[in-house]
Amino acid sequence: MKKYIIILSFLFLTLLIISSTFAEKDTIRILVITGGHDYQKEQFNKMFASLGENITYKIEELPGAFNMFLPENRSKYDVLVFYHMWQSITPYQEKVFSDCIREGKPLVVLHHSICAFDEWPEYFKIIGGKYFHKPTVVDGREYAACSYQHDLHFIVKITDKGHPVTKGLNDFEVFDETYKGYYVEPGVKPLLTTTESSSEKVIGWTKNYGKARVVTIQSGHDVPTFENSGYRQLLKQAVEWVNNEGK
């Protein structure tokens, strides 16, 4: 009898370990990179907390967050989410940063992150777009300084309802900030558009950078968007999709 109890105890412990291992694998650990721009932290954090039990998040602020791109720290998270507008970066930081993503770390880019790193052209290639603070030449074309407008109601239109990032979503209204005149890399796959005149038409897209999937979403300025159910679903599905290679 004692022998059977020992065997059953061993089997129970084994199943517990296996179950715990699978649970850990199913959990998506987000590293949110901030810095260079203020935001409403409480409501922003609530948005990430609402994404589901299988998604956890940690926030790191630049410049200290550059260390998280180092090879020895990349296993500490599964998906990068950018919500920063940082500008200064050294050549070494550029290499570590771009290598991290090129080698396969998935990325979701939100709102003013397309305004970051004005003097680093490779960043435009990583995220697939760029907001210009001054006239800038890209691929032989000169772009004027971009413009923005706060507090506008407009419709986010779903371009591809069959894509995993937008699946199940219908067009939805946001109260948000628009950007006009920014660069969108040729060859990206548009996911979101708008007819709002103060905005560029394409406001969300996906692309690959090296081995990594990248999703960029222009909206996301403030509390009304953080609390918007359509935006939250979009963010959740973007995180899940970039993390699920081959699905």
Protein backbone atom coordinates (compact mmCIF):
# COMPACT_ATOMS: atom_id res chain seq x y z
CA MET A 1 0.00 0.00 0.00
CA LYS A 2 2.80 2.37 0.93
CA LYS A 3 4.44 1.58 -2.42
CA TYR A 4 1.30 2.65 -4.34
CA ILE A 5 1.02 5.85 -2.32
CA ILE A 6 4.64 6.71 -3.19
CA ILE A 7 4.01 5.99 -6.88
CA LEU A 8 0.82 8.07 -6.92
CA SER A 9 2.58 10.91 -5.12
CA PHE A 10 5.38 10.80 -7.67
CA LEU A 11 2.93 10.84 -10.58
CA PHE A 12 1.00 13.74 -9.04
CA LEU A 13 4.21 15.73 -8.56
CA THR A 14 5.28 15.01 -12.14
CA LEU A 15 1.93 16.16 -13.52
CA LEU A 16 2.12 19.29 -11.38
CA ILE A 17 5.57 20.13 -12.77
CA ILE A 18 4.45 19.47 -16.36
CA SER A 19 1.33 21.57 -15.87
CA SER A 20 3.37 24.42 -14.41
CA THR A 21 5.83 24.23 -17.31
CA PHE A 22 3.05 24.45 -19.90
CA ALA A 23 1.45 27.34 -18.02
CA GLU A 24 4.76 29.22 -18.12
CA LYS A 25 5.11 28.56 -21.85
CA ASP A 26 1.58 29.80 -22.49
CA THR A 27 2.20 33.05 -20.63
CA ILE A 28 3.34 35.96 -22.80
CA ARG A 29 5.72 38.27 -20.95
CA ILE A 30 5.61 41.81 -22.33
CA LEU A 31 8.42 44.30 -21.82
CA VAL A 32 7.03 47.82 -22.32
CA ILE A 33 9.69 50.39 -23.21
CA THR A 34 8.87 53.99 -22.24
CA GLY A 35 10.77 57.26 -21.93
CA GLY A 36 10.97 60.64 -23.61
CA HIS A 37 7.25 61.43 -23.34
CA ASP A 38 4.78 61.74 -20.46
CA TYR A 39 1.66 59.59 -20.32
CA GLN A 40 -1.18 58.69 -17.95
CA LYS A 41 0.50 55.81 -16.16
CA GLU A 42 -2.40 54.52 -14.08
CA GLN A 43 -4.79 54.08 -17.01
CA PHE A 44 -1.98 52.85 -19.26
CA ASN A 45 -1.11 50.13 -16.75
CA LYS A 46 -4.78 49.19 -16.41
CA MET A 47 -4.94 48.67 -20.16
CA PHE A 48 -2.10 46.14 -20.03
CA ALA A 49 -3.55 44.49 -16.93
CA SER A 50 -6.80 43.97 -18.86
CA LEU A 51 -5.21 41.92 -21.64
CA GLY A 52 -5.79 38.59 -19.92
CA GLU A 53 -4.32 36.20 -17.38
CA ASN A 54 -1.92 34.75 -19.96
CA ILE A 55 -0.27 38.13 -20.58
CA THR A 56 2.01 39.78 -18.02
CA TYR A 57 3.89 43.03 -18.40
CA LYS A 58 6.83 44.94 -17.01
CA ILE A 59 7.73 48.55 -17.78
CA GLU A 60 11.31 49.77 -18.28
CA GLU A 61 12.20 53.37 -19.07
CA LEU A 62 14.93 54.58 -21.41
CA PRO A 63 17.84 55.14 -21.19
CA GLY A 64 18.18 52.39 -18.58
CA ALA A 65 16.00 50.11 -20.69
CA PHE A 66 18.75 49.85 -23.33
CA ASN A 67 20.25 47.12 -21.12
CA MET A 68 17.21 44.93 -21.79
CA PHE A 69 18.31 44.58 -25.43
CA LEU A 70 21.56 42.89 -24.38
CA PRO A 71 21.76 39.17 -25.27
CA GLU A 72 21.89 38.10 -21.62
CA ASN A 73 18.58 39.88 -20.88
CA ARG A 74 16.52 38.86 -23.91
CA SER A 75 15.24 35.66 -22.32
CA LYS A 76 13.51 37.70 -19.60
CA TYR A 77 10.63 38.71 -21.88
CA ASP A 78 8.77 37.41 -24.95
CA VAL A 79 7.43 40.52 -26.68
CA LEU A 80 8.60 44.13 -26.82
CA VAL A 81 6.03 46.93 -26.78
CA PHE A 82 7.35 50.41 -27.56
CA TYR A 83 5.67 53.44 -26.01
CA HIS A 84 8.61 55.81 -25.98
CA MET A 85 9.80 58.90 -27.84
CA TRP A 86 13.48 58.66 -27.01
CA GLN A 87 16.03 60.44 -29.22
CA SER A 88 19.63 59.98 -28.08
CA ILE A 89 21.33 56.69 -28.90
CA THR A 90 24.98 55.63 -29.27
CA PRO A 91 26.32 53.46 -32.11
CA TYR A 92 26.73 50.57 -29.65
CA GLN A 93 23.14 50.95 -28.44
CA GLU A 94 21.94 51.05 -32.05
CA LYS A 95 23.62 47.71 -32.74
CA VAL A 96 22.35 45.96 -29.62
CA PHE A 97 18.85 47.37 -30.16
CA SER A 98 18.57 46.37 -33.82
CA ASP A 99 20.25 42.97 -33.29
CA CYS A 100 17.71 42.10 -30.59
CA ILE A 101 14.79 42.55 -32.97
CA ARG A 102 16.51 41.33 -36.14
CA GLU A 103 17.35 38.07 -34.40
CA GLY A 104 13.70 37.44 -33.59
CA LYS A 105 12.35 39.43 -30.66
CA PRO A 106 8.73 40.32 -31.60
CA LEU A 107 7.67 43.96 -31.44
CA VAL A 108 4.49 46.03 -31.12
CA VAL A 109 4.96 49.77 -31.69
CA LEU A 110 2.43 52.25 -30.28
CA HIS A 111 1.66 55.90 -31.02
CA HIS A 112 4.51 58.36 -30.33
CA SER A 113 7.12 55.63 -30.72
CA ILE A 114 7.09 56.47 -34.43
CA CYS A 115 8.40 59.92 -33.40
CA ALA A 116 11.57 58.52 -31.78
CA PHE A 117 15.21 58.44 -32.91
CA ASP A 118 15.14 61.22 -35.51
CA GLU A 119 18.81 60.71 -36.41
CA TRP A 120 18.75 56.92 -36.69
CA PRO A 121 17.42 55.81 -40.10
CA GLU A 122 17.54 52.10 -39.25
CA TYR A 123 14.81 52.70 -36.68
CA PHE A 124 12.47 53.72 -39.54
CA LYS A 125 13.19 50.32 -41.12
CA ILE A 126 12.57 48.43 -37.88
CA ILE A 127 9.11 49.88 -37.27
CA GLY A 128 8.11 50.57 -40.88
CA GLY A 129 7.41 54.28 -40.52
CA LYS A 130 8.54 57.62 -39.11
CA TYR A 131 7.11 60.92 -37.88
CA PHE A 132 9.41 63.78 -38.88
CA HIS A 133 10.08 66.73 -36.59
CA LYS A 134 11.97 68.51 -39.38
CA PRO A 135 12.32 68.13 -43.16
CA THR A 136 13.93 64.75 -43.81
CA VAL A 137 15.03 62.86 -46.92
CA VAL A 138 14.12 59.16 -47.13
CA ASP A 139 14.96 57.09 -50.22
CA GLY A 140 15.58 60.25 -52.23
CA ARG A 141 12.28 61.89 -51.31
CA GLU A 142 12.11 64.93 -49.04
CA TYR A 143 9.38 64.86 -46.40
CA ALA A 144 8.23 68.05 -44.68
CA ALA A 145 7.90 68.25 -40.91
CA CYS A 146 4.81 66.34 -39.79
CA SER A 147 1.82 67.78 -37.96
CA TYR A 148 -0.43 66.51 -35.20
CA GLN A 149 -3.85 67.33 -33.80
CA HIS A 150 -5.24 66.45 -30.37
CA ASP A 151 -8.70 65.39 -29.23
CA LEU A 152 -10.42 64.23 -32.37
CA HIS A 153 -13.21 61.71 -32.82
CA PHE A 154 -12.52 59.52 -35.84
CA ILE A 155 -13.17 56.03 -37.15
CA VAL A 156 -10.48 53.36 -37.24
CA LYS A 157 -11.28 51.24 -40.29
CA ILE A 158 -10.25 47.58 -40.38
CA THR A 159 -8.50 46.94 -43.70
CA ASP A 160 -8.07 43.18 -43.37
CA LYS A 161 -10.66 41.52 -41.14
CA GLY A 162 -9.12 38.10 -41.73
CA HIS A 163 -5.72 38.96 -40.27
CA PRO A 164 -5.09 37.56 -36.75
CA VAL A 165 -4.34 41.06 -35.41
CA THR A 166 -7.72 42.44 -36.52
CA LYS A 167 -9.84 39.28 -36.62
CA GLY A 168 -13.21 39.75 -34.91
CA LEU A 169 -12.89 43.53 -34.91
CA ASN A 170 -15.25 45.88 -36.69
CA ASP A 171 -14.53 49.52 -37.49
CA PHE A 172 -14.48 51.47 -34.22
CA GLU A 173 -14.42 55.09 -33.09
CA VAL A 174 -11.60 56.58 -31.05
CA PHE A 175 -10.99 59.95 -29.40
CA ASP A 176 -7.31 60.37 -30.03
CA GLU A 177 -4.41 62.31 -31.54
CA THR A 178 -3.71 62.20 -35.28
CA TYR A 179 -0.42 62.52 -37.15
CA LYS A 180 -0.16 63.87 -40.70
CA GLY A 181 2.69 63.56 -43.19
CA TYR A 182 4.61 60.66 -41.67
CA TYR A 183 6.50 58.09 -43.70
CA VAL A 184 5.11 54.58 -44.18
CA GLU A 185 7.57 52.11 -45.62
CA PRO A 186 6.58 50.65 -49.01
CA GLY A 187 5.80 46.97 -48.67
CA VAL A 188 4.25 47.00 -45.20
CA LYS A 189 0.87 45.28 -44.89
CA PRO A 190 -1.78 47.86 -43.93
CA LEU A 191 -4.17 46.71 -41.20
CA LEU A 192 -5.86 49.98 -40.18
CA THR A 193 -6.86 53.10 -42.08
CA THR A 194 -8.87 56.27 -41.49
CA THR A 195 -10.51 58.94 -43.62
CA GLU A 196 -9.82 61.65 -41.02
CA SER A 197 -8.26 64.55 -42.97
CA SER A 198 -5.75 65.50 -40.26
CA SER A 199 -4.26 61.99 -40.38
CA GLU A 200 -2.36 59.85 -42.80
CA LYS A 201 -4.61 57.23 -44.35
CA VAL A 202 -2.69 54.19 -43.07
CA ILE A 203 -2.61 54.15 -39.26
CA GLY A 204 -1.67 50.53 -38.57
CA TRP A 205 0.47 47.96 -40.32
CA THR A 206 2.59 44.87 -39.96
CA LYS A 207 5.97 43.89 -41.37
CA ASN A 208 8.98 41.72 -40.66
CA TYR A 209 12.37 42.93 -39.52
CA GLY A 210 14.83 40.09 -39.81
CA LYS A 211 13.28 37.15 -37.98
CA ALA A 212 10.84 39.30 -35.98
CA ARG A 213 7.23 40.17 -36.59
CA VAL A 214 6.44 43.85 -36.08
CA VAL A 215 3.04 45.53 -35.67
CA THR A 216 2.81 49.34 -35.61
CA ILE A 217 -0.33 51.17 -34.43
CA GLN A 218 -0.32 54.96 -34.69
CA SER A 219 -3.17 55.56 -32.23
CA GLY A 220 -2.75 55.46 -28.46
CA HIS A 221 -2.28 58.97 -27.09
CA ASP A 222 -4.30 59.10 -23.91
CA VAL A 223 -6.90 57.70 -21.52
CA PRO A 224 -9.91 57.51 -23.90
CA THR A 225 -7.90 55.22 -26.18
CA PHE A 226 -6.41 53.22 -23.30
CA GLU A 227 -9.97 52.49 -22.15
CA ASN A 228 -11.36 51.81 -25.64
CA SER A 229 -12.45 48.16 -25.94
CA GLY A 230 -11.63 48.00 -29.65
CA TYR A 231 -8.12 49.33 -29.04
CA ARG A 232 -7.55 46.91 -26.17
CA GLN A 233 -8.61 43.97 -28.33
CA LEU A 234 -6.34 45.21 -31.11
CA LEU A 235 -3.38 45.46 -28.73
CA LYS A 236 -4.02 42.02 -27.24
CA GLN A 237 -4.25 40.36 -30.64
CA ALA A 238 -1.16 42.20 -31.88
CA VAL A 239 0.85 40.93 -28.91
CA GLU A 240 -0.43 37.38 -29.38
CA TRP A 241 0.24 37.35 -33.11
CA VAL A 242 3.79 38.70 -33.06
CA ASN A 243 4.57 36.15 -30.36
CA ASN A 244 3.16 33.17 -32.29
CA GLU A 245 5.71 32.54 -35.00
CA GLY A 246 4.25 30.70 -37.96
CA LYS A 247 0.61 31.05 -36.81
